[in-house]
Protein backbone atom coordinates (compact mmCIF):
# COMPACT_ATOMS: atom_id res chain seq x y z
CA MET A 1 -3.22 18.29 60.03
CA LYS A 2 -1.94 15.19 58.29
CA ASN A 3 -2.95 14.98 54.66
CA ARG A 4 -2.45 13.03 51.43
CA LEU A 5 -1.89 16.09 49.27
CA ARG A 6 1.66 15.24 48.17
CA GLU A 7 0.65 11.65 47.39
CA LEU A 8 -2.32 12.75 45.27
CA ARG A 9 -0.33 15.44 43.49
CA THR A 10 2.62 13.21 42.59
CA ALA A 11 0.30 10.40 41.43
CA ARG A 12 -0.92 12.81 38.76
CA GLY A 13 2.56 13.94 37.82
CA TRP A 14 1.91 17.53 38.91
CA THR A 15 4.50 19.85 40.38
CA GLN A 16 3.71 21.98 43.39
CA ALA A 17 3.43 24.93 41.00
CA ASP A 18 0.95 22.98 38.83
CA LEU A 19 -1.23 22.23 41.84
CA GLY A 20 -1.04 25.81 43.05
CA GLU A 21 -2.12 27.08 39.64
CA ARG A 22 -5.08 24.68 39.55
CA LEU A 23 -6.15 25.79 43.03
CA GLY A 24 -5.43 29.49 42.60
CA VAL A 25 -2.79 29.57 45.35
CA SER A 26 0.98 30.03 45.33
CA ARG A 27 3.53 27.25 45.18
CA GLN A 28 4.61 28.33 48.66
CA ALA A 29 1.06 27.72 49.90
CA VAL A 30 1.16 24.19 48.48
CA ILE A 31 4.52 23.59 50.17
CA ALA A 32 3.09 24.77 53.51
CA LEU A 33 0.05 22.51 53.14
CA GLU A 34 2.08 19.46 52.16
CA SER A 35 4.51 19.91 55.05
CA ASP A 36 1.69 20.40 57.59
CA LYS A 37 2.87 23.93 58.37
CA HIS A 38 -0.48 25.39 57.37
CA ASP A 39 -4.04 24.07 57.56
CA PRO A 40 -6.26 24.88 54.60
CA SER A 41 -9.32 27.06 54.94
CA LEU A 42 -12.60 25.22 54.61
CA ASP A 43 -13.03 26.70 51.14
CA LEU A 44 -9.59 25.55 50.03
CA ALA A 45 -10.07 22.07 51.52
CA TYR A 46 -13.27 21.67 49.48
CA ARG A 47 -11.57 22.97 46.31
CA ILE A 48 -8.77 20.43 46.83
CA ALA A 49 -11.29 17.63 47.35
CA ALA A 50 -13.18 18.63 44.21
CA LEU A 51 -9.98 18.82 42.16
CA PHE A 52 -8.99 15.29 43.17
CA ASP A 53 -12.60 14.05 43.09
CA GLU A 54 -12.34 12.66 46.62
CA PRO A 55 -14.16 13.41 49.86
CA VAL A 56 -12.38 15.89 52.13
CA GLU A 57 -12.14 13.18 54.81
CA THR A 58 -9.98 10.96 52.58
CA ILE A 59 -7.49 13.76 51.95
CA PHE A 60 -7.28 15.41 55.36
CA ALA A 61 -7.15 13.47 58.63
CA ASN A 62 -9.68 14.46 61.28
CA PRO A 63 -7.60 15.95 64.12
CA TYR A 64 -10.40 15.15 66.60
CA ALA A 65 -10.79 11.46 65.75
């Protein structure tokens, strides 16, 4: 699932570890999300959207569109 996670994270000057800490996940989980090797759970997708104050749809591309 294509996403803007890396773009949003780097715009704030956060490392992958910083983002993981803010989300309560490991740095490895952030790496997997950013490289499209793992899709977030619905809960995690909403936590990411809340953290960046953006709708889920602007962060994660709809794979069915």
